[in-house]
Amino acid sequence: MPNELGEIKSYLEERVGEEICVTVQLGRKRQKERRGVLTETYRSIFIVCLDQDENDFERSCFSYRDVLTKAIELEFV
């Protein structure tokens, strides 16, 4: 994964429409994994449409800063 905000944004813009697995660090060694499709990228956030079978809501948004600080981890499936 790139290590600058601009590089992270460009990397994700190239992968719009692909399936993604997002692992969110909740603290105290707890994690939450969400699967979906990367649908949109904006100036400071990106949106993932989540699988309805696994999640209670349709979409979730994350910031590029979360990727940079390792608050979330991304894996393309």
PDB file of N, CA and C in Angstrom:
ATOM      1  N   MET A   1       0.853  -1.171   0.000  1.00  0.00           N
ATOM      2  CA  MET A   1       0.000   0.000   0.000  1.00  0.00           C
ATOM      3  C   MET A   1       0.902   1.239   0.000  1.00  0.00           C
ATOM      4  N   PRO A   2       0.561   2.234  -0.793  1.00  0.00           N
ATOM      5  CA  PRO A   2       1.350   3.475  -0.831  1.00  0.00           C
ATOM      6  C   PRO A   2       1.404   4.150   0.544  1.00  0.00           C
ATOM      7  N   ASN A   3       2.388   5.022   0.743  1.00  0.00           N
ATOM      8  CA  ASN A   3       2.555   5.643   2.056  1.00  0.00           C
ATOM      9  C   ASN A   3       2.421   7.166   2.046  1.00  0.00           C
ATOM     10  N   GLU A   4       1.741   7.719   1.054  1.00  0.00           N
ATOM     11  CA  GLU A   4       1.408   9.145   1.021  1.00  0.00           C
ATOM     12  C   GLU A   4      -0.051   9.284   0.613  1.00  0.00           C
ATOM     13  N   LEU A   5      -0.715  10.320   1.106  1.00  0.00           N
ATOM     14  CA  LEU A   5      -2.147  10.481   0.851  1.00  0.00           C
ATOM     15  C   LEU A   5      -2.475  10.531  -0.636  1.00  0.00           C
ATOM     16  N   GLY A   6      -1.720  11.288  -1.410  1.00  0.00           N
ATOM     17  CA  GLY A   6      -1.969  11.389  -2.850  1.00  0.00           C
ATOM     18  C   GLY A   6      -1.809  10.058  -3.556  1.00  0.00           C
ATOM     19  N   GLU A   7      -0.816   9.292  -3.154  1.00  0.00           N
ATOM     20  CA  GLU A   7      -0.587   7.973  -3.754  1.00  0.00           C
ATOM     21  C   GLU A   7      -1.707   7.005  -3.393  1.00  0.00           C
ATOM     22  N   ILE A   8      -2.175   7.062  -2.146  1.00  0.00           N
ATOM     23  CA  ILE A   8      -3.275   6.195  -1.713  1.00  0.00           C
ATOM     24  C   ILE A   8      -4.525   6.515  -2.519  1.00  0.00           C
ATOM     25  N   LYS A   9      -4.818   7.808  -2.693  1.00  0.00           N
ATOM     26  CA  LYS A   9      -6.001   8.223  -3.455  1.00  0.00           C
ATOM     27  C   LYS A   9      -5.909   7.741  -4.902  1.00  0.00           C
ATOM     28  N   SER A  10      -4.762   7.915  -5.533  1.00  0.00           N
ATOM     29  CA  SER A  10      -4.580   7.472  -6.921  1.00  0.00           C
ATOM     30  C   SER A  10      -4.715   5.962  -7.034  1.00  0.00           C
ATOM     31  N   TYR A  11      -4.139   5.238  -6.080  1.00  0.00           N
ATOM     32  CA  TYR A  11      -4.200   3.776  -6.060  1.00  0.00           C
ATOM     33  C   TYR A  11      -5.652   3.299  -5.995  1.00  0.00           C
ATOM     34  N   LEU A  12      -6.456   3.943  -5.136  1.00  0.00           N
ATOM     35  CA  LEU A  12      -7.855   3.543  -4.998  1.00  0.00           C
ATOM     36  C   LEU A  12      -8.691   3.975  -6.200  1.00  0.00           C
ATOM     37  N   GLU A  13      -8.389   5.131  -6.794  1.00  0.00           N
ATOM     38  CA  GLU A  13      -9.129   5.579  -7.978  1.00  0.00           C
ATOM     39  C   GLU A  13      -8.988   4.584  -9.125  1.00  0.00           C
ATOM     40  N   GLU A  14      -7.827   3.949  -9.230  1.00  0.00           N
ATOM     41  CA  GLU A  14      -7.598   2.962 -10.285  1.00  0.00           C
ATOM     42  C   GLU A  14      -8.380   1.676 -10.046  1.00  0.00           C
ATOM     43  N   ARG A  15      -8.831   1.446  -8.818  1.00  0.00           N
ATOM     44  CA  ARG A  15      -9.481   0.193  -8.459  1.00  0.00           C
ATOM     45  C   ARG A  15     -10.979   0.337  -8.183  1.00  0.00           C
ATOM     46  N   VAL A  16     -11.586   1.436  -8.587  1.00  0.00           N
ATOM     47  CA  VAL A  16     -13.029   1.619  -8.402  1.00  0.00           C
ATOM     48  C   VAL A  16     -13.769   0.508  -9.146  1.00  0.00           C
ATOM     49  N   GLY A  17     -14.748  -0.094  -8.468  1.00  0.00           N
ATOM     50  CA  GLY A  17     -15.531  -1.176  -9.049  1.00  0.00           C
ATOM     51  C   GLY A  17     -15.054  -2.558  -8.644  1.00  0.00           C
ATOM     52  N   GLU A  18     -13.934  -2.646  -7.962  1.00  0.00           N
ATOM     53  CA  GLU A  18     -13.395  -3.941  -7.541  1.00  0.00           C
ATOM     54  C   GLU A  18     -13.881  -4.300  -6.140  1.00  0.00           C
ATOM     55  N   GLU A  19     -13.922  -5.615  -5.861  1.00  0.00           N
ATOM     56  CA  GLU A  19     -14.292  -6.089  -4.528  1.00  0.00           C
ATOM     57  C   GLU A  19     -13.167  -5.801  -3.556  1.00  0.00           C
ATOM     58  N   ILE A  20     -13.555  -5.433  -2.329  1.00  0.00           N
ATOM     59  CA  ILE A  20     -12.569  -5.044  -1.330  1.00  0.00           C
ATOM     60  C   ILE A  20     -12.975  -5.594   0.035  1.00  0.00           C
ATOM     61  N   CYS A  21     -11.991  -5.906   0.834  1.00  0.00           N
ATOM     62  CA  CYS A  21     -12.192  -6.311   2.221  1.00  0.00           C
ATOM     63  C   CYS A  21     -11.521  -5.251   3.091  1.00  0.00           C
ATOM     64  N   VAL A  22     -12.304  -4.619   3.963  1.00  0.00           N
ATOM     65  CA  VAL A  22     -11.796  -3.566   4.836  1.00  0.00           C
ATOM     66  C   VAL A  22     -11.777  -4.100   6.266  1.00  0.00           C
ATOM     67  N   THR A  23     -10.615  -4.075   6.893  1.00  0.00           N
ATOM     68  CA  THR A  23     -10.485  -4.485   8.288  1.00  0.00           C
ATOM     69  C   THR A  23     -10.298  -3.229   9.128  1.00  0.00           C
ATOM     70  N   VAL A  24     -11.255  -2.984  10.015  1.00  0.00           N
ATOM     71  CA  VAL A  24     -11.247  -1.789  10.854  1.00  0.00           C
ATOM     72  C   VAL A  24     -10.684  -2.158  12.222  1.00  0.00           C
ATOM     73  N   GLN A  25      -9.684  -1.400  12.673  1.00  0.00           N
ATOM     74  CA  GLN A  25      -9.098  -1.608  14.000  1.00  0.00           C
ATOM     75  C   GLN A  25      -9.971  -0.873  15.020  1.00  0.00           C
ATOM     76  N   LEU A  26     -10.579  -1.627  15.944  1.00  0.00           N
ATOM     77  CA  LEU A  26     -11.473  -1.038  16.936  1.00  0.00           C
ATOM     78  C   LEU A  26     -10.780  -0.747  18.263  1.00  0.00           C
ATOM     79  N   GLY A  27      -9.522  -1.110  18.376  1.00  0.00           N
ATOM     80  CA  GLY A  27      -8.787  -0.886  19.614  1.00  0.00           C
ATOM     81  C   GLY A  27      -8.812  -2.119  20.502  1.00  0.00           C
ATOM     82  N   ARG A  28      -7.866  -2.202  21.409  1.00  0.00           N
ATOM     83  CA  ARG A  28      -7.748  -3.324  22.341  1.00  0.00           C
ATOM     84  C   ARG A  28      -7.793  -4.677  21.639  1.00  0.00           C
ATOM     85  N   LYS A  29      -7.054  -4.754  20.550  1.00  0.00           N
ATOM     86  CA  LYS A  29      -6.907  -5.983  19.773  1.00  0.00           C
ATOM     87  C   LYS A  29      -8.224  -6.494  19.179  1.00  0.00           C
ATOM     88  N   ARG A  30      -9.174  -5.592  18.966  1.00  0.00           N
ATOM     89  CA  ARG A  30     -10.435  -5.965  18.326  1.00  0.00           C
ATOM     90  C   ARG A  30     -10.451  -5.429  16.899  1.00  0.00           C
ATOM     91  N   GLN A  31     -11.024  -6.235  16.003  1.00  0.00           N
ATOM     92  CA  GLN A  31     -11.123  -5.845  14.600  1.00  0.00           C
ATOM     93  C   GLN A  31     -12.510  -6.178  14.078  1.00  0.00           C
ATOM     94  N   LYS A  32     -12.929  -5.442  13.075  1.00  0.00           N
ATOM     95  CA  LYS A  32     -14.189  -5.712  12.383  1.00  0.00           C
ATOM     96  C   LYS A  32     -13.876  -5.767  10.899  1.00  0.00           C
ATOM     97  N   GLU A  33     -14.304  -6.826  10.237  1.00  0.00           N
ATOM     98  CA  GLU A  33     -14.037  -6.990   8.809  1.00  0.00           C
ATOM     99  C   GLU A  33     -15.319  -6.743   8.030  1.00  0.00           C
ATOM    100  N   ARG A  34     -15.196  -5.939   6.984  1.00  0.00           N
ATOM    101  CA  ARG A  34     -16.340  -5.644   6.123  1.00  0.00           C
ATOM    102  C   ARG A  34     -15.947  -5.895   4.680  1.00  0.00           C
ATOM    103  N   ARG A  35     -16.855  -6.501   3.926  1.00  0.00           N
ATOM    104  CA  ARG A  35     -16.609  -6.795   2.513  1.00  0.00           C
ATOM    105  C   ARG A  35     -17.615  -6.035   1.662  1.00  0.00           C
ATOM    106  N   GLY A  36     -17.155  -5.614   0.492  1.00  0.00           N
ATOM    107  CA  GLY A  36     -18.029  -4.891  -0.407  1.00  0.00           C
ATOM    108  C   GLY A  36     -17.304  -4.519  -1.681  1.00  0.00           C
ATOM    109  N   VAL A  37     -17.822  -3.501  -2.353  1.00  0.00           N
ATOM    110  CA  VAL A  37     -17.264  -3.030  -3.619  1.00  0.00           C
ATOM    111  C   VAL A  37     -16.897  -1.554  -3.462  1.00  0.00           C
ATOM    112  N   LEU A  38     -15.681  -1.219  -3.854  1.00  0.00           N
ATOM    113  CA  LEU A  38     -15.246   0.183  -3.850  1.00  0.00           C
ATOM    114  C   LEU A  38     -16.001   0.898  -4.966  1.00  0.00           C
ATOM    115  N   THR A  39     -16.874   1.849  -4.597  1.00  0.00           N
ATOM    116  CA  THR A  39     -17.739   2.459  -5.605  1.00  0.00           C
ATOM    117  C   THR A  39     -17.350   3.873  -6.000  1.00  0.00           C
ATOM    118  N   GLU A  40     -16.909   4.690  -5.036  1.00  0.00           N
ATOM    119  CA  GLU A  40     -16.617   6.085  -5.351  1.00  0.00           C
ATOM    120  C   GLU A  40     -15.414   6.572  -4.560  1.00  0.00           C
ATOM    121  N   THR A  41     -14.677   7.507  -5.153  1.00  0.00           N
ATOM    122  CA  THR A  41     -13.596   8.182  -4.432  1.00  0.00           C
ATOM    123  C   THR A  41     -13.835   9.683  -4.535  1.00  0.00           C
ATOM    124  N   TYR A  42     -13.605  10.360  -3.435  1.00  0.00           N
ATOM    125  CA  TYR A  42     -13.741  11.810  -3.374  1.00  0.00           C
ATOM    126  C   TYR A  42     -12.434  12.413  -2.893  1.00  0.00           C
ATOM    127  N   ARG A  43     -12.437  13.710  -2.660  1.00  0.00           N
ATOM    128  CA  ARG A  43     -11.215  14.411  -2.286  1.00  0.00           C
ATOM    129  C   ARG A  43     -10.579  13.856  -1.014  1.00  0.00           C
ATOM    130  N   SER A  44     -11.388  13.556  -0.008  1.00  0.00           N
ATOM    131  CA  SER A  44     -10.805  13.098   1.259  1.00  0.00           C
ATOM    132  C   SER A  44     -11.360  11.774   1.769  1.00  0.00           C
ATOM    133  N   ILE A  45     -12.361  11.210   1.076  1.00  0.00           N
ATOM    134  CA  ILE A  45     -12.937   9.930   1.503  1.00  0.00           C
ATOM    135  C   ILE A  45     -13.170   9.019   0.308  1.00  0.00           C
ATOM    136  N   PHE A  46     -13.398   7.740   0.600  1.00  0.00           N
ATOM    137  CA  PHE A  46     -13.845   6.800  -0.417  1.00  0.00           C
ATOM    138  C   PHE A  46     -15.000   5.993   0.160  1.00  0.00           C
ATOM    139  N   ILE A  47     -15.875   5.513  -0.723  1.00  0.00           N
ATOM    140  CA  ILE A  47     -17.099   4.837  -0.306  1.00  0.00           C
ATOM    141  C   ILE A  47     -17.074   3.386  -0.762  1.00  0.00           C
ATOM    142  N   VAL A  48     -17.485   2.513   0.163  1.00  0.00           N
ATOM    143  CA  VAL A  48     -17.572   1.084  -0.110  1.00  0.00           C
ATOM    144  C   VAL A  48     -19.027   0.664   0.068  1.00  0.00           C
ATOM    145  N   CYS A  49     -19.641   0.086  -0.979  1.00  0.00           N
ATOM    146  CA  CYS A  49     -20.976  -0.495  -0.865  1.00  0.00           C
ATOM    147  C   CYS A  49     -20.802  -1.891  -0.288  1.00  0.00           C
ATOM    148  N   LEU A  50     -21.430  -2.134   0.854  1.00  0.00           N
ATOM    149  CA  LEU A  50     -21.208  -3.358   1.606  1.00  0.00           C
ATOM    150  C   LEU A  50     -22.159  -4.471   1.189  1.00  0.00           C
ATOM    151  N   ASP A  51     -21.724  -5.722   1.411  1.00  0.00           N
ATOM    152  CA  ASP A  51     -22.582  -6.882   1.187  1.00  0.00           C
ATOM    153  C   ASP A  51     -23.730  -6.839   2.185  1.00  0.00           C
ATOM    154  N   GLN A  52     -24.956  -6.962   1.712  1.00  0.00           N
ATOM    155  CA  GLN A  52     -26.115  -6.900   2.595  1.00  0.00           C
ATOM    156  C   GLN A  52     -26.257  -8.149   3.462  1.00  0.00           C
ATOM    157  N   ASP A  53     -25.682  -9.270   3.042  1.00  0.00           N
ATOM    158  CA  ASP A  53     -25.764 -10.500   3.826  1.00  0.00           C
ATOM    159  C   ASP A  53     -24.978 -10.384   5.127  1.00  0.00           C
ATOM    160  N   GLU A  54     -23.890  -9.646   5.123  1.00  0.00           N
ATOM    161  CA  GLU A  54     -22.993  -9.572   6.276  1.00  0.00           C
ATOM    162  C   GLU A  54     -23.166  -8.309   7.111  1.00  0.00           C
ATOM    163  N   ASN A  55     -23.790  -7.275   6.578  1.00  0.00           N
ATOM    164  CA  ASN A  55     -23.841  -5.977   7.258  1.00  0.00           C
ATOM    165  C   ASN A  55     -25.271  -5.463   7.371  1.00  0.00           C
ATOM    166  N   ASP A  56     -25.480  -4.588   8.350  1.00  0.00           N
ATOM    167  CA  ASP A  56     -26.804  -4.017   8.586  1.00  0.00           C
ATOM    168  C   ASP A  56     -27.080  -2.776   7.746  1.00  0.00           C
ATOM    169  N   PHE A  57     -26.052  -2.202   7.144  1.00  0.00           N
ATOM    170  CA  PHE A  57     -26.240  -0.980   6.367  1.00  0.00           C
ATOM    171  C   PHE A  57     -25.604  -1.129   4.992  1.00  0.00           C
ATOM    172  N   GLU A  58     -26.016  -0.257   4.065  1.00  0.00           N
ATOM    173  CA  GLU A  58     -25.627  -0.374   2.658  1.00  0.00           C
ATOM    174  C   GLU A  58     -24.212   0.077   2.355  1.00  0.00           C
ATOM    175  N   ARG A  59     -23.831   1.242   2.868  1.00  0.00           N
ATOM    176  CA  ARG A  59     -22.546   1.833   2.500  1.00  0.00           C
ATOM    177  C   ARG A  59     -21.779   2.275   3.736  1.00  0.00           C
ATOM    178  N   SER A  60     -20.492   2.393   3.531  1.00  0.00           N
ATOM    179  CA  SER A  60     -19.633   2.917   4.581  1.00  0.00           C
ATOM    180  C   SER A  60     -18.559   3.762   3.913  1.00  0.00           C
ATOM    181  N   CYS A  61     -18.165   4.844   4.565  1.00  0.00           N
ATOM    182  CA  CYS A  61     -17.114   5.680   3.994  1.00  0.00           C
ATOM    183  C   CYS A  61     -15.908   5.695   4.927  1.00  0.00           C
ATOM    184  N   PHE A  62     -14.750   5.816   4.321  1.00  0.00           N
ATOM    185  CA  PHE A  62     -13.485   5.811   5.041  1.00  0.00           C
ATOM    186  C   PHE A  62     -12.619   6.927   4.477  1.00  0.00           C
ATOM    187  N   SER A  63     -11.688   7.414   5.275  1.00  0.00           N
ATOM    188  CA  SER A  63     -10.793   8.463   4.786  1.00  0.00           C
ATOM    189  C   SER A  63      -9.451   7.853   4.397  1.00  0.00           C
ATOM    190  N   TYR A  64      -8.762   8.544   3.520  1.00  0.00           N
ATOM    191  CA  TYR A  64      -7.427   8.104   3.113  1.00  0.00           C
ATOM    192  C   TYR A  64      -6.473   8.169   4.306  1.00  0.00           C
ATOM    193  N   ARG A  65      -6.735   9.082   5.228  1.00  0.00           N
ATOM    194  CA  ARG A  65      -5.926   9.204   6.437  1.00  0.00           C
ATOM    195  C   ARG A  65      -5.996   7.925   7.280  1.00  0.00           C
ATOM    196  N   ASP A  66      -7.178   7.275   7.304  1.00  0.00           N
ATOM    197  CA  ASP A  66      -7.319   6.013   8.040  1.00  0.00           C
ATOM    198  C   ASP A  66      -6.398   4.939   7.475  1.00  0.00           C
ATOM    199  N   VAL A  67      -6.241   4.923   6.165  1.00  0.00           N
ATOM    200  CA  VAL A  67      -5.343   3.957   5.524  1.00  0.00           C
ATOM    201  C   VAL A  67      -3.897   4.292   5.872  1.00  0.00           C
ATOM    202  N   LEU A  68      -3.562   5.572   5.811  1.00  0.00           N
ATOM    203  CA  LEU A  68      -2.198   6.018   6.086  1.00  0.00           C
ATOM    204  C   LEU A  68      -1.774   5.708   7.522  1.00  0.00           C
ATOM    205  N   THR A  69      -2.682   5.916   8.480  1.00  0.00           N
ATOM    206  CA  THR A  69      -2.361   5.695   9.895  1.00  0.00           C
ATOM    207  C   THR A  69      -2.610   4.257  10.338  1.00  0.00           C
ATOM    208  N   LYS A  70      -3.020   3.413   9.391  1.00  0.00           N
ATOM    209  CA  LYS A  70      -3.274   1.994   9.650  1.00  0.00           C
ATOM    210  C   LYS A  70      -4.432   1.760  10.619  1.00  0.00           C
ATOM    211  N   ALA A  71      -5.386   2.696  10.659  1.00  0.00           N
ATOM    212  CA  ALA A  71      -6.609   2.491  11.424  1.00  0.00           C
ATOM    213  C   ALA A  71      -7.506   1.494  10.698  1.00  0.00           C
ATOM    214  N   ILE A  72      -7.326   1.403   9.371  1.00  0.00           N
ATOM    215  CA  ILE A  72      -7.995   0.375   8.571  1.00  0.00           C
ATOM    216  C   ILE A  72      -6.968  -0.260   7.646  1.00  0.00           C
ATOM    217  N   GLU A  73      -7.242  -1.506   7.274  1.00  0.00           N
ATOM    218  CA  GLU A  73      -6.403  -2.207   6.308  1.00  0.00           C
ATOM    219  C   GLU A  73      -7.277  -2.601   5.132  1.00  0.00           C
ATOM    220  N   LEU A  74      -6.742  -2.474   3.931  1.00  0.00           N
ATOM    221  CA  LEU A  74      -7.481  -2.795   2.713  1.00  0.00           C
ATOM    222  C   LEU A  74      -6.865  -4.001   2.033  1.00  0.00           C
ATOM    223  N   GLU A  75      -7.752  -4.858   1.511  1.00  0.00           N
ATOM    224  CA  GLU A  75      -7.294  -6.001   0.725  1.00  0.00           C
ATOM    225  C   GLU A  75      -8.281  -6.192  -0.420  1.00  0.00           C
ATOM    226  N   PHE A  76      -7.778  -6.153  -1.638  1.00  0.00           N
ATOM    227  CA  PHE A  76      -8.645  -6.359  -2.794  1.00  0.00           C
ATOM    228  C   PHE A  76      -8.759  -7.847  -3.059  1.00  0.00           C
ATOM    229  N   VAL A  77     -10.008  -8.287  -3.246  1.00  0.00           N
ATOM    230  CA  VAL A  77     -10.281  -9.719  -3.414  1.00  0.00           C
ATOM    231  C   VAL A  77     -10.291 -10.086  -4.876  1.00  0.00           C
TER     232      VAL A  77
END
